[in-house]
Amino acid sequence: MEIEGKLLIKYEEQTVGTKGFRKREFVLEYAENPQYPQKIKFELVQEKCAELDKFNEGDTLKVHFNIRGSEWQGKYYVNLNAWKLEKTGESTTNTQHQNTEKEIVPDSLPSSSEDDDLPF
């Protein structure tokens, strides 16, 4: 499954149990209906914990995750286990700047009628 939203909170990595199981939680704000945004807690485990270091609170992310459910002593628990994070929602200023650069670069290249050693 996947969902897109704004990264609200990044928690520190935790070691759980005596065998060194690592997990790191984060909260994503999902606003399918902007009037009622949902704040959803996900977790990363083991080597995936470091994936969150690439992002800042406020970034828009696409989170790929699995739903994990378990039962312990008659109580039921649900975890949203994230396995891939992608940054989305680039700002319009950056997009406009990149487009400007793309328009300038072709003008600075030599025309095909000029002699050059390049194979393209």
PDB file of N, CA and C in Angstrom:
ATOM      1  N   MET A   1       0.845  -1.155   0.000  1.00  0.00           N
ATOM      2  CA  MET A   1       0.000   0.000   0.000  1.00  0.00           C
ATOM      3  C   MET A   1       0.902   1.233   0.000  1.00  0.00           C
ATOM      4  N   GLU A   2       0.341   2.349  -0.395  1.00  0.00           N
ATOM      5  CA  GLU A   2       1.095   3.589  -0.363  1.00  0.00           C
ATOM      6  C   GLU A   2       0.168   4.751  -0.041  1.00  0.00           C
ATOM      7  N   ILE A   3       0.776   5.812   0.515  1.00  0.00           N
ATOM      8  CA  ILE A   3       0.035   7.008   0.901  1.00  0.00           C
ATOM      9  C   ILE A   3       0.994   8.191   0.778  1.00  0.00           C
ATOM     10  N   GLU A   4       0.441   9.366   0.490  1.00  0.00           N
ATOM     11  CA  GLU A   4       1.264  10.562   0.366  1.00  0.00           C
ATOM     12  C   GLU A   4       0.791  11.612   1.360  1.00  0.00           C
ATOM     13  N   GLY A   5       1.753  12.274   2.006  1.00  0.00           N
ATOM     14  CA  GLY A   5       1.405  13.304   2.975  1.00  0.00           C
ATOM     15  C   GLY A   5       2.629  14.045   3.456  1.00  0.00           C
ATOM     16  N   LYS A   6       2.419  14.917   4.447  1.00  0.00           N
ATOM     17  CA  LYS A   6       3.495  15.752   4.969  1.00  0.00           C
ATOM     18  C   LYS A   6       4.099  15.109   6.215  1.00  0.00           C
ATOM     19  N   LEU A   7       5.423  15.040   6.249  1.00  0.00           N
ATOM     20  CA  LEU A   7       6.131  14.496   7.406  1.00  0.00           C
ATOM     21  C   LEU A   7       6.026  15.491   8.555  1.00  0.00           C
ATOM     22  N   LEU A   8       5.325  15.102   9.630  1.00  0.00           N
ATOM     23  CA  LEU A   8       5.125  15.997  10.771  1.00  0.00           C
ATOM     24  C   LEU A   8       6.175  15.803  11.852  1.00  0.00           C
ATOM     25  N   ILE A   9       6.419  14.552  12.234  1.00  0.00           N
ATOM     26  CA  ILE A   9       7.295  14.262  13.362  1.00  0.00           C
ATOM     27  C   ILE A   9       8.202  13.085  13.024  1.00  0.00           C
ATOM     28  N   LYS A  10       9.489  13.233  13.342  1.00  0.00           N
ATOM     29  CA  LYS A  10      10.459  12.142  13.241  1.00  0.00           C
ATOM     30  C   LYS A  10      10.911  11.806  14.660  1.00  0.00           C
ATOM     31  N   TYR A  11      10.686  10.587  15.082  1.00  0.00           N
ATOM     32  CA  TYR A  11      11.135  10.159  16.405  1.00  0.00           C
ATOM     33  C   TYR A  11      12.524   9.537  16.297  1.00  0.00           C
ATOM     34  N   GLU A  12      13.208   9.483  17.428  1.00  0.00           N
ATOM     35  CA  GLU A  12      14.527   8.857  17.475  1.00  0.00           C
ATOM     36  C   GLU A  12      14.388   7.335  17.376  1.00  0.00           C
ATOM     37  N   GLU A  13      15.444   6.698  16.920  1.00  0.00           N
ATOM     38  CA  GLU A  13      15.475   5.236  16.829  1.00  0.00           C
ATOM     39  C   GLU A  13      15.455   4.642  18.230  1.00  0.00           C
ATOM     40  N   GLN A  14      14.752   3.516  18.379  1.00  0.00           N
ATOM     41  CA  GLN A  14      14.652   2.814  19.657  1.00  0.00           C
ATOM     42  C   GLN A  14      15.151   1.395  19.490  1.00  0.00           C
ATOM     43  N   THR A  15      15.777   0.869  20.522  1.00  0.00           N
ATOM     44  CA  THR A  15      16.140  -0.543  20.557  1.00  0.00           C
ATOM     45  C   THR A  15      15.168  -1.215  21.516  1.00  0.00           C
ATOM     46  N   VAL A  16      14.505  -2.264  21.020  1.00  0.00           N
ATOM     47  CA  VAL A  16      13.465  -2.943  21.785  1.00  0.00           C
ATOM     48  C   VAL A  16      13.925  -4.362  22.086  1.00  0.00           C
ATOM     49  N   GLY A  17      13.788  -4.800  23.334  1.00  0.00           N
ATOM     50  CA  GLY A  17      14.134  -6.161  23.709  1.00  0.00           C
ATOM     51  C   GLY A  17      15.632  -6.353  23.877  1.00  0.00           C
ATOM     52  N   THR A  18      15.994  -7.558  24.227  1.00  0.00           N
ATOM     53  CA  THR A  18      17.403  -7.878  24.504  1.00  0.00           C
ATOM     54  C   THR A  18      18.180  -8.302  23.259  1.00  0.00           C
ATOM     55  N   LYS A  19      17.504  -8.552  22.157  1.00  0.00           N
ATOM     56  CA  LYS A  19      18.178  -9.023  20.948  1.00  0.00           C
ATOM     57  C   LYS A  19      18.536  -7.897  19.984  1.00  0.00           C
ATOM     58  N   GLY A  20      18.330  -6.643  20.393  1.00  0.00           N
ATOM     59  CA  GLY A  20      18.736  -5.508  19.569  1.00  0.00           C
ATOM     60  C   GLY A  20      17.801  -5.172  18.422  1.00  0.00           C
ATOM     61  N   PHE A  21      16.523  -5.518  18.539  1.00  0.00           N
ATOM     62  CA  PHE A  21      15.551  -5.146  17.508  1.00  0.00           C
ATOM     63  C   PHE A  21      15.423  -3.626  17.506  1.00  0.00           C
ATOM     64  N   ARG A  22      15.571  -3.005  16.323  1.00  0.00           N
ATOM     65  CA  ARG A  22      15.518  -1.552  16.207  1.00  0.00           C
ATOM     66  C   ARG A  22      14.262  -1.123  15.474  1.00  0.00           C
ATOM     67  N   LYS A  23      13.690  -0.008  15.941  1.00  0.00           N
ATOM     68  CA  LYS A  23      12.543   0.566  15.242  1.00  0.00           C
ATOM     69  C   LYS A  23      12.599   2.087  15.365  1.00  0.00           C
ATOM     70  N   ARG A  24      11.983   2.759  14.397  1.00  0.00           N
ATOM     71  CA  ARG A  24      11.905   4.215  14.400  1.00  0.00           C
ATOM     72  C   ARG A  24      10.530   4.605  13.882  1.00  0.00           C
ATOM     73  N   GLU A  25       9.875   5.481  14.603  1.00  0.00           N
ATOM     74  CA  GLU A  25       8.523   5.886  14.235  1.00  0.00           C
ATOM     75  C   GLU A  25       8.521   7.305  13.675  1.00  0.00           C
ATOM     76  N   PHE A  26       7.500   7.587  12.862  1.00  0.00           N
ATOM     77  CA  PHE A  26       7.291   8.925  12.332  1.00  0.00           C
ATOM     78  C   PHE A  26       5.804   9.122  12.085  1.00  0.00           C
ATOM     79  N   VAL A  27       5.414  10.407  12.024  1.00  0.00           N
ATOM     80  CA  VAL A  27       4.000  10.743  11.824  1.00  0.00           C
ATOM     81  C   VAL A  27       3.855  11.487  10.504  1.00  0.00           C
ATOM     82  N   LEU A  28       2.900  11.045   9.717  1.00  0.00           N
ATOM     83  CA  LEU A  28       2.594  11.645   8.427  1.00  0.00           C
ATOM     84  C   LEU A  28       1.196  12.258   8.513  1.00  0.00           C
ATOM     85  N   GLU A  29       1.054  13.490   7.997  1.00  0.00           N
ATOM     86  CA  GLU A  29      -0.273  14.102   7.927  1.00  0.00           C
ATOM     87  C   GLU A  29      -0.850  13.834   6.547  1.00  0.00           C
ATOM     88  N   TYR A  30      -1.946  13.108   6.524  1.00  0.00           N
ATOM     89  CA  TYR A  30      -2.626  12.730   5.295  1.00  0.00           C
ATOM     90  C   TYR A  30      -3.892  13.563   5.192  1.00  0.00           C
ATOM     91  N   ALA A  31      -4.018  14.337   4.111  1.00  0.00           N
ATOM     92  CA  ALA A  31      -5.146  15.268   3.994  1.00  0.00           C
ATOM     93  C   ALA A  31      -5.985  14.964   2.759  1.00  0.00           C
ATOM     94  N   GLU A  32      -6.589  13.789   2.724  1.00  0.00           N
ATOM     95  CA  GLU A  32      -7.515  13.485   1.633  1.00  0.00           C
ATOM     96  C   GLU A  32      -8.659  14.500   1.652  1.00  0.00           C
ATOM     97  N   ASN A  33      -9.140  14.797   2.842  1.00  0.00           N
ATOM     98  CA  ASN A  33     -10.122  15.850   3.053  1.00  0.00           C
ATOM     99  C   ASN A  33      -9.422  16.915   3.904  1.00  0.00           C
ATOM    100  N   PRO A  34      -9.002  18.051   3.313  1.00  0.00           N
ATOM    101  CA  PRO A  34      -8.232  19.062   4.043  1.00  0.00           C
ATOM    102  C   PRO A  34      -8.908  19.581   5.317  1.00  0.00           C
ATOM    103  N   GLN A  35     -10.204  19.487   5.378  1.00  0.00           N
ATOM    104  CA  GLN A  35     -10.916  19.932   6.574  1.00  0.00           C
ATOM    105  C   GLN A  35     -10.646  19.002   7.758  1.00  0.00           C
ATOM    106  N   TYR A  36     -10.368  17.730   7.480  1.00  0.00           N
ATOM    107  CA  TYR A  36     -10.131  16.737   8.525  1.00  0.00           C
ATOM    108  C   TYR A  36      -8.846  15.950   8.243  1.00  0.00           C
ATOM    109  N   PRO A  37      -7.678  16.610   8.355  1.00  0.00           N
ATOM    110  CA  PRO A  37      -6.431  15.876   8.080  1.00  0.00           C
ATOM    111  C   PRO A  37      -6.212  14.777   9.122  1.00  0.00           C
ATOM    112  N   GLN A  38      -5.636  13.681   8.665  1.00  0.00           N
ATOM    113  CA  GLN A  38      -5.364  12.542   9.530  1.00  0.00           C
ATOM    114  C   GLN A  38      -3.873  12.497   9.852  1.00  0.00           C
ATOM    115  N   LYS A  39      -3.539  12.261  11.096  1.00  0.00           N
ATOM    116  CA  LYS A  39      -2.149  12.122  11.526  1.00  0.00           C
ATOM    117  C   LYS A  39      -1.909  10.639  11.785  1.00  0.00           C
ATOM    118  N   ILE A  40      -1.064  10.054  10.935  1.00  0.00           N
ATOM    119  CA  ILE A  40      -0.894   8.599  10.927  1.00  0.00           C
ATOM    120  C   ILE A  40       0.537   8.247  11.328  1.00  0.00           C
ATOM    121  N   LYS A  41       0.680   7.350  12.302  1.00  0.00           N
ATOM    122  CA  LYS A  41       2.002   6.939  12.771  1.00  0.00           C
ATOM    123  C   LYS A  41       2.443   5.671  12.034  1.00  0.00           C
ATOM    124  N   PHE A  42       3.659   5.722  11.487  1.00  0.00           N
ATOM    125  CA  PHE A  42       4.273   4.584  10.806  1.00  0.00           C
ATOM    126  C   PHE A  42       5.514   4.181  11.582  1.00  0.00           C
ATOM    127  N   GLU A  43       6.023   2.997  11.278  1.00  0.00           N
ATOM    128  CA  GLU A  43       7.298   2.604  11.859  1.00  0.00           C
ATOM    129  C   GLU A  43       8.195   1.993  10.794  1.00  0.00           C
ATOM    130  N   LEU A  44       9.491   2.199  10.987  1.00  0.00           N
ATOM    131  CA  LEU A  44      10.534   1.574  10.180  1.00  0.00           C
ATOM    132  C   LEU A  44      11.276   0.622  11.110  1.00  0.00           C
ATOM    133  N   VAL A  45      11.739  -0.513  10.588  1.00  0.00           N
ATOM    134  CA  VAL A  45      12.448  -1.464  11.448  1.00  0.00           C
ATOM    135  C   VAL A  45      13.810  -1.824  10.867  1.00  0.00           C
ATOM    136  N   GLN A  46      14.703  -2.213  11.785  1.00  0.00           N
ATOM    137  CA  GLN A  46      16.059  -2.667  11.498  1.00  0.00           C
ATOM    138  C   GLN A  46      16.813  -1.688  10.596  1.00  0.00           C
ATOM    139  N   GLU A  47      17.349  -2.153   9.466  1.00  0.00           N
ATOM    140  CA  GLU A  47      18.172  -1.301   8.593  1.00  0.00           C
ATOM    141  C   GLU A  47      17.370  -0.190   7.919  1.00  0.00           C
ATOM    142  N   LYS A  48      16.063  -0.300   7.869  1.00  0.00           N
ATOM    143  CA  LYS A  48      15.215   0.732   7.251  1.00  0.00           C
ATOM    144  C   LYS A  48      15.119   1.995   8.118  1.00  0.00           C
ATOM    145  N   CYS A  49      15.512   1.931   9.384  1.00  0.00           N
ATOM    146  CA  CYS A  49      15.437   3.092  10.282  1.00  0.00           C
ATOM    147  C   CYS A  49      16.202   4.288   9.720  1.00  0.00           C
ATOM    148  N   ALA A  50      17.311   4.048   9.069  1.00  0.00           N
ATOM    149  CA  ALA A  50      18.156   5.124   8.540  1.00  0.00           C
ATOM    150  C   ALA A  50      17.508   5.849   7.363  1.00  0.00           C
ATOM    151  N   GLU A  51      16.519   5.259   6.710  1.00  0.00           N
ATOM    152  CA  GLU A  51      15.851   5.890   5.570  1.00  0.00           C
ATOM    153  C   GLU A  51      15.257   7.254   5.943  1.00  0.00           C
ATOM    154  N   LEU A  52      14.822   7.400   7.158  1.00  0.00           N
ATOM    155  CA  LEU A  52      14.173   8.633   7.595  1.00  0.00           C
ATOM    156  C   LEU A  52      15.151   9.802   7.697  1.00  0.00           C
ATOM    157  N   ASP A  53      16.450   9.514   7.836  1.00  0.00           N
ATOM    158  CA  ASP A  53      17.464  10.570   7.946  1.00  0.00           C
ATOM    159  C   ASP A  53      17.532  11.447   6.698  1.00  0.00           C
ATOM    160  N   LYS A  54      17.089  10.951   5.564  1.00  0.00           N
ATOM    161  CA  LYS A  54      17.151  11.680   4.292  1.00  0.00           C
ATOM    162  C   LYS A  54      16.116  12.801   4.193  1.00  0.00           C
ATOM    163  N   PHE A  55      15.167  12.834   5.118  1.00  0.00           N
ATOM    164  CA  PHE A  55      14.030  13.735   5.005  1.00  0.00           C
ATOM    165  C   PHE A  55      13.928  14.657   6.216  1.00  0.00           C
ATOM    166  N   ASN A  56      13.297  15.807   6.001  1.00  0.00           N
ATOM    167  CA  ASN A  56      13.080  16.791   7.058  1.00  0.00           C
ATOM    168  C   ASN A  56      11.598  16.898   7.373  1.00  0.00           C
ATOM    169  N   GLU A  57      11.305  17.265   8.610  1.00  0.00           N
ATOM    170  CA  GLU A  57       9.911  17.519   8.961  1.00  0.00           C
ATOM    171  C   GLU A  57       9.398  18.626   8.054  1.00  0.00           C
ATOM    172  N   GLY A  58       8.210  18.448   7.495  1.00  0.00           N
ATOM    173  CA  GLY A  58       7.633  19.396   6.543  1.00  0.00           C
ATOM    174  C   GLY A  58       7.719  18.912   5.109  1.00  0.00           C
ATOM    175  N   ASP A  59       8.611  17.946   4.820  1.00  0.00           N
ATOM    176  CA  ASP A  59       8.713  17.392   3.471  1.00  0.00           C
ATOM    177  C   ASP A  59       7.454  16.608   3.131  1.00  0.00           C
ATOM    178  N   THR A  60       7.097  16.598   1.853  1.00  0.00           N
ATOM    179  CA  THR A  60       5.992  15.770   1.381  1.00  0.00           C
ATOM    180  C   THR A  60       6.576  14.447   0.916  1.00  0.00           C
ATOM    181  N   LEU A  61       6.046  13.360   1.458  1.00  0.00           N
ATOM    182  CA  LEU A  61       6.579  12.029   1.182  1.00  0.00           C
ATOM    183  C   LEU A  61       5.507  11.094   0.644  1.00  0.00           C
ATOM    184  N   LYS A  62       5.964  10.138  -0.135  1.00  0.00           N
ATOM    185  CA  LYS A  62       5.132   8.982  -0.478  1.00  0.00           C
ATOM    186  C   LYS A  62       5.691   7.833   0.351  1.00  0.00           C
ATOM    187  N   VAL A  63       4.833   7.209   1.143  1.00  0.00           N
ATOM    188  CA  VAL A  63       5.230   6.118   2.023  1.00  0.00           C
ATOM    189  C   VAL A  63       4.633   4.826   1.491  1.00  0.00           C
ATOM    190  N   HIS A  64       5.494   3.850   1.231  1.00  0.00           N
ATOM    191  CA  HIS A  64       5.059   2.503   0.855  1.00  0.00           C
ATOM    192  C   HIS A  64       5.093   1.681   2.142  1.00  0.00           C
ATOM    193  N   PHE A  65       4.014   0.966   2.443  1.00  0.00           N
ATOM    194  CA  PHE A  65       3.935   0.288   3.736  1.00  0.00           C
ATOM    195  C   PHE A  65       3.102  -0.990   3.652  1.00  0.00           C
ATOM    196  N   ASN A  66       3.272  -1.812   4.678  1.00  0.00           N
ATOM    197  CA  ASN A  66       2.463  -3.008   4.872  1.00  0.00           C
ATOM    198  C   ASN A  66       1.722  -2.861   6.197  1.00  0.00           C
ATOM    199  N   ILE A  67       0.554  -3.448   6.276  1.00  0.00           N
ATOM    200  CA  ILE A  67      -0.198  -3.464   7.531  1.00  0.00           C
ATOM    201  C   ILE A  67       0.134  -4.762   8.246  1.00  0.00           C
ATOM    202  N   ARG A  68       0.548  -4.640   9.497  1.00  0.00           N
ATOM    203  CA  ARG A  68       0.893  -5.806  10.308  1.00  0.00           C
ATOM    204  C   ARG A  68      -0.025  -5.839  11.524  1.00  0.00           C
ATOM    205  N   GLY A  69      -0.638  -6.972  11.768  1.00  0.00           N
ATOM    206  CA  GLY A  69      -1.503  -7.134  12.929  1.00  0.00           C
ATOM    207  C   GLY A  69      -1.024  -8.291  13.786  1.00  0.00           C
ATOM    208  N   SER A  70      -1.202  -8.162  15.086  1.00  0.00           N
ATOM    209  CA  SER A  70      -0.805  -9.246  15.990  1.00  0.00           C
ATOM    210  C   SER A  70      -1.730  -9.268  17.209  1.00  0.00           C
ATOM    211  N   GLU A  71      -1.658 -10.375  17.927  1.00  0.00           N
ATOM    212  CA  GLU A  71      -2.450 -10.549  19.138  1.00  0.00           C
ATOM    213  C   GLU A  71      -1.488 -10.945  20.252  1.00  0.00           C
ATOM    214  N   TRP A  72      -1.672 -10.342  21.412  1.00  0.00           N
ATOM    215  CA  TRP A  72      -0.870 -10.730  22.573  1.00  0.00           C
ATOM    216  C   TRP A  72      -1.742 -10.627  23.804  1.00  0.00           C
ATOM    217  N   GLN A  73      -1.908 -11.744  24.486  1.00  0.00           N
ATOM    218  CA  GLN A  73      -2.709 -11.856  25.710  1.00  0.00           C
ATOM    219  C   GLN A  73      -4.114 -11.278  25.528  1.00  0.00           C
ATOM    220  N   GLY A  74      -4.740 -11.612  24.405  1.00  0.00           N
ATOM    221  CA  GLY A  74      -6.112 -11.201  24.149  1.00  0.00           C
ATOM    222  C   GLY A  74      -6.282  -9.781  23.643  1.00  0.00           C
ATOM    223  N   LYS A  75      -5.175  -9.076  23.450  1.00  0.00           N
ATOM    224  CA  LYS A  75      -5.258  -7.719  22.904  1.00  0.00           C
ATOM    225  C   LYS A  75      -4.697  -7.722  21.487  1.00  0.00           C
ATOM    226  N   TYR A  76      -5.282  -6.904  20.641  1.00  0.00           N
ATOM    227  CA  TYR A  76      -4.892  -6.857  19.233  1.00  0.00           C
ATOM    228  C   TYR A  76      -4.197  -5.542  18.913  1.00  0.00           C
ATOM    229  N   TYR A  77      -3.148  -5.648  18.118  1.00  0.00           N
ATOM    230  CA  TYR A  77      -2.323  -4.496  17.762  1.00  0.00           C
ATOM    231  C   TYR A  77      -2.158  -4.411  16.252  1.00  0.00           C
ATOM    232  N   VAL A  78      -2.092  -3.191  15.746  1.00  0.00           N
ATOM    233  CA  VAL A  78      -1.884  -2.952  14.318  1.00  0.00           C
ATOM    234  C   VAL A  78      -0.689  -2.019  14.170  1.00  0.00           C
ATOM    235  N   ASN A  79       0.239  -2.372  13.275  1.00  0.00           N
ATOM    236  CA  ASN A  79       1.377  -1.522  12.946  1.00  0.00           C
ATOM    237  C   ASN A  79       1.366  -1.249  11.453  1.00  0.00           C
ATOM    238  N   LEU A  80       1.716  -0.030  11.100  1.00  0.00           N
ATOM    239  CA  LEU A  80       1.905   0.326   9.698  1.00  0.00           C
ATOM    240  C   LEU A  80       3.408   0.330   9.469  1.00  0.00           C
ATOM    241  N   ASN A  81       3.887  -0.728   8.834  1.00  0.00           N
ATOM    242  CA  ASN A  81       5.322  -0.960   8.667  1.00  0.00           C
ATOM    243  C   ASN A  81       5.797  -0.392   7.331  1.00  0.00           C
ATOM    244  N   ALA A  82       6.452   0.777   7.369  1.00  0.00           N
ATOM    245  CA  ALA A  82       6.948   1.431   6.152  1.00  0.00           C
ATOM    246  C   ALA A  82       8.192   0.696   5.654  1.00  0.00           C
ATOM    247  N   TRP A  83       8.287   0.523   4.342  1.00  0.00           N
ATOM    248  CA  TRP A  83       9.461  -0.143   3.772  1.00  0.00           C
ATOM    249  C   TRP A  83      10.140   0.679   2.691  1.00  0.00           C
ATOM    250  N   LYS A  84       9.507   1.773   2.257  1.00  0.00           N
ATOM    251  CA  LYS A  84      10.126   2.650   1.265  1.00  0.00           C
ATOM    252  C   LYS A  84       9.555   4.052   1.423  1.00  0.00           C
ATOM    253  N   LEU A  85      10.448   5.065   1.391  1.00  0.00           N
ATOM    254  CA  LEU A  85      10.049   6.460   1.484  1.00  0.00           C
ATOM    255  C   LEU A  85      10.578   7.206   0.268  1.00  0.00           C
ATOM    256  N   GLU A  86       9.719   8.063  -0.316  1.00  0.00           N
ATOM    257  CA  GLU A  86      10.117   8.869  -1.471  1.00  0.00           C
ATOM    258  C   GLU A  86       9.667  10.302  -1.247  1.00  0.00           C
ATOM    259  N   LYS A  87      10.536  11.261  -1.557  1.00  0.00           N
ATOM    260  CA  LYS A  87      10.158  12.666  -1.452  1.00  0.00           C
ATOM    261  C   LYS A  87       9.357  13.045  -2.695  1.00  0.00           C
ATOM    262  N   THR A  88       8.268  13.759  -2.497  1.00  0.00           N
ATOM    263  CA  THR A  88       7.426  14.228  -3.597  1.00  0.00           C
ATOM    264  C   THR A  88       7.128  15.701  -3.376  1.00  0.00           C
ATOM    265  N   GLY A  89       6.378  16.310  -4.283  1.00  0.00           N
ATOM    266  CA  GLY A  89       5.912  17.671  -4.077  1.00  0.00           C
ATOM    267  C   GLY A  89       6.997  18.714  -4.108  1.00  0.00           C
ATOM    268  N   GLU A  90       7.812  18.723  -5.163  1.00  0.00           N
ATOM    269  CA  GLU A  90       8.865  19.721  -5.300  1.00  0.00           C
ATOM    270  C   GLU A  90       8.240  21.104  -5.403  1.00  0.00           C
ATOM    271  N   SER A  91       8.887  22.110  -4.822  1.00  0.00           N
ATOM    272  CA  SER A  91       8.326  23.461  -4.840  1.00  0.00           C
ATOM    273  C   SER A  91       8.332  24.028  -6.256  1.00  0.00           C
ATOM    274  N   THR A  92       7.408  24.962  -6.529  1.00  0.00           N
ATOM    275  CA  THR A  92       7.311  25.539  -7.874  1.00  0.00           C
ATOM    276  C   THR A  92       8.532  26.384  -8.198  1.00  0.00           C
ATOM    277  N   THR A  93       9.166  26.997  -7.200  1.00  0.00           N
ATOM    278  CA  THR A  93      10.368  27.801  -7.442  1.00  0.00           C
ATOM    279  C   THR A  93      11.472  26.923  -8.005  1.00  0.00           C
ATOM    280  N   ASN A  94      11.688  25.764  -7.397  1.00  0.00           N
ATOM    281  CA  ASN A  94      12.720  24.852  -7.895  1.00  0.00           C
ATOM    282  C   ASN A  94      12.388  24.347  -9.283  1.00  0.00           C
ATOM    283  N   THR A  95      11.131  24.029  -9.535  1.00  0.00           N
ATOM    284  CA  THR A  95      10.726  23.535 -10.838  1.00  0.00           C
ATOM    285  C   THR A  95      10.946  24.596 -11.906  1.00  0.00           C
ATOM    286  N   GLN A  96      10.573  25.846 -11.619  1.00  0.00           N
ATOM    287  CA  GLN A  96      10.781  26.917 -12.589  1.00  0.00           C
ATOM    288  C   GLN A  96      12.257  27.130 -12.848  1.00  0.00           C
ATOM    289  N   HIS A  97      13.084  27.064 -11.823  1.00  0.00           N
ATOM    290  CA  HIS A  97      14.523  27.243 -11.974  1.00  0.00           C
ATOM    291  C   HIS A  97      15.107  26.137 -12.854  1.00  0.00           C
ATOM    292  N   GLN A  98      14.680  24.902 -12.622  1.00  0.00           N
ATOM    293  CA  GLN A  98      15.178  23.792 -13.424  1.00  0.00           C
ATOM    294  C   GLN A  98      14.756  23.945 -14.880  1.00  0.00           C
ATOM    295  N   ASN A  99      13.529  24.372 -15.139  1.00  0.00           N
ATOM    296  CA  ASN A  99      13.074  24.569 -16.508  1.00  0.00           C
ATOM    297  C   ASN A  99      13.880  25.654 -17.201  1.00  0.00           C
ATOM    298  N   THR A 100      14.206  26.722 -16.492  1.00  0.00           N
ATOM    299  CA  THR A 100      15.013  27.795 -17.057  1.00  0.00           C
ATOM    300  C   THR A 100      16.383  27.268 -17.437  1.00  0.00           C
ATOM    301  N   GLU A 101      16.985  26.480 -16.565  1.00  0.00           N
ATOM    302  CA  GLU A 101      18.297  25.917 -16.871  1.00  0.00           C
ATOM    303  C   GLU A 101      18.231  25.033 -18.109  1.00  0.00           C
ATOM    304  N   LYS A 102      17.178  24.248 -18.237  1.00  0.00           N
ATOM    305  CA  LYS A 102      17.045  23.365 -19.393  1.00  0.00           C
ATOM    306  C   LYS A 102      16.916  24.165 -20.681  1.00  0.00           C
ATOM    307  N   GLU A 103      16.263  25.317 -20.622  1.00  0.00           N
ATOM    308  CA  GLU A 103      16.112  26.147 -21.818  1.00  0.00           C
ATOM    309  C   GLU A 103      17.427  26.822 -22.191  1.00  0.00           C
ATOM    310  N   ILE A 104      18.249  27.171 -21.221  1.00  0.00           N
ATOM    311  CA  ILE A 104      19.507  27.862 -21.478  1.00  0.00           C
ATOM    312  C   ILE A 104      20.562  26.911 -22.018  1.00  0.00           C
ATOM    313  N   VAL A 105      20.633  25.711 -21.495  1.00  0.00           N
ATOM    314  CA  VAL A 105      21.690  24.782 -21.868  1.00  0.00           C
ATOM    315  C   VAL A 105      21.728  24.471 -23.360  1.00  0.00           C
ATOM    316  N   PRO A 106      20.621  24.150 -24.041  1.00  0.00           N
ATOM    317  CA  PRO A 106      20.706  23.854 -25.468  1.00  0.00           C
ATOM    318  C   PRO A 106      21.241  25.027 -26.294  1.00  0.00           C
ATOM    319  N   ASP A 107      20.962  26.278 -25.912  1.00  0.00           N
ATOM    320  CA  ASP A 107      21.459  27.433 -26.653  1.00  0.00           C
ATOM    321  C   ASP A 107      22.976  27.549 -26.585  1.00  0.00           C
ATOM    322  N   SER A 108      23.577  27.042 -25.508  1.00  0.00           N
ATOM    323  CA  SER A 108      25.012  27.173 -25.349  1.00  0.00           C
ATOM    324  C   SER A 108      25.791  26.059 -26.045  1.00  0.00           C
ATOM    325  N   LEU A 109      25.098  25.038 -26.539  1.00  0.00           N
ATOM    326  CA  LEU A 109      25.769  23.946 -27.239  1.00  0.00           C
ATOM    327  C   LEU A 109      26.080  24.342 -28.676  1.00  0.00           C
ATOM    328  N   PRO A 110      27.186  23.832 -29.243  1.00  0.00           N
ATOM    329  CA  PRO A 110      27.493  24.154 -30.639  1.00  0.00           C
ATOM    330  C   PRO A 110      26.443  23.558 -31.575  1.00  0.00           C
ATOM    331  N   SER A 111      26.198  24.234 -32.686  1.00  0.00           N
ATOM    332  CA  SER A 111      25.224  23.713 -33.645  1.00  0.00           C
ATOM    333  C   SER A 111      25.832  22.528 -34.385  1.00  0.00           C
ATOM    334  N   SER A 112      25.016  21.732 -35.020  1.00  0.00           N
ATOM    335  CA  SER A 112      25.489  20.522 -35.689  1.00  0.00           C
ATOM    336  C   SER A 112      26.366  20.844 -36.894  1.00  0.00           C
ATOM    337  N   SER A 113      26.308  22.079 -37.409  1.00  0.00           N
ATOM    338  CA  SER A 113      27.117  22.432 -38.576  1.00  0.00           C
ATOM    339  C   SER A 113      28.569  22.737 -38.199  1.00  0.00           C
ATOM    340  N   GLU A 114      28.833  23.005 -36.902  1.00  0.00           N
ATOM    341  CA  GLU A 114      30.202  23.287 -36.459  1.00  0.00           C
ATOM    342  C   GLU A 114      30.978  21.982 -36.359  1.00  0.00           C
ATOM    343  N   ASP A 115      32.289  22.047 -36.603  1.00  0.00           N
ATOM    344  CA  ASP A 115      33.147  20.869 -36.470  1.00  0.00           C
ATOM    345  C   ASP A 115      33.429  20.611 -35.003  1.00  0.00           C
ATOM    346  N   ASP A 116      33.222  19.387 -34.590  1.00  0.00           N
ATOM    347  CA  ASP A 116      33.600  18.988 -33.235  1.00  0.00           C
ATOM    348  C   ASP A 116      33.868  17.509 -33.205  1.00  0.00           C
ATOM    349  N   ASP A 117      34.483  17.055 -32.138  1.00  0.00           N
ATOM    350  CA  ASP A 117      34.861  15.645 -31.994  1.00  0.00           C
ATOM    351  C   ASP A 117      33.781  14.826 -31.308  1.00  0.00           C
ATOM    352  N   LEU A 118      32.717  15.446 -30.860  1.00  0.00           N
ATOM    353  CA  LEU A 118      31.695  14.717 -30.116  1.00  0.00           C
ATOM    354  C   LEU A 118      30.872  13.828 -31.038  1.00  0.00           C
ATOM    355  N   PRO A 119      30.577  12.579 -30.578  1.00  0.00           N
ATOM    356  CA  PRO A 119      29.816  11.647 -31.417  1.00  0.00           C
ATOM    357  C   PRO A 119      28.326  11.941 -31.443  1.00  0.00           C
ATOM    358  N   PHE A 120      27.863  12.963 -30.768  1.00  0.00           N
ATOM    359  CA  PHE A 120      26.420  13.268 -30.762  1.00  0.00           C
ATOM    360  C   PHE A 120      26.177  14.715 -31.052  1.00  0.00           C
TER     361      PHE A 120
END
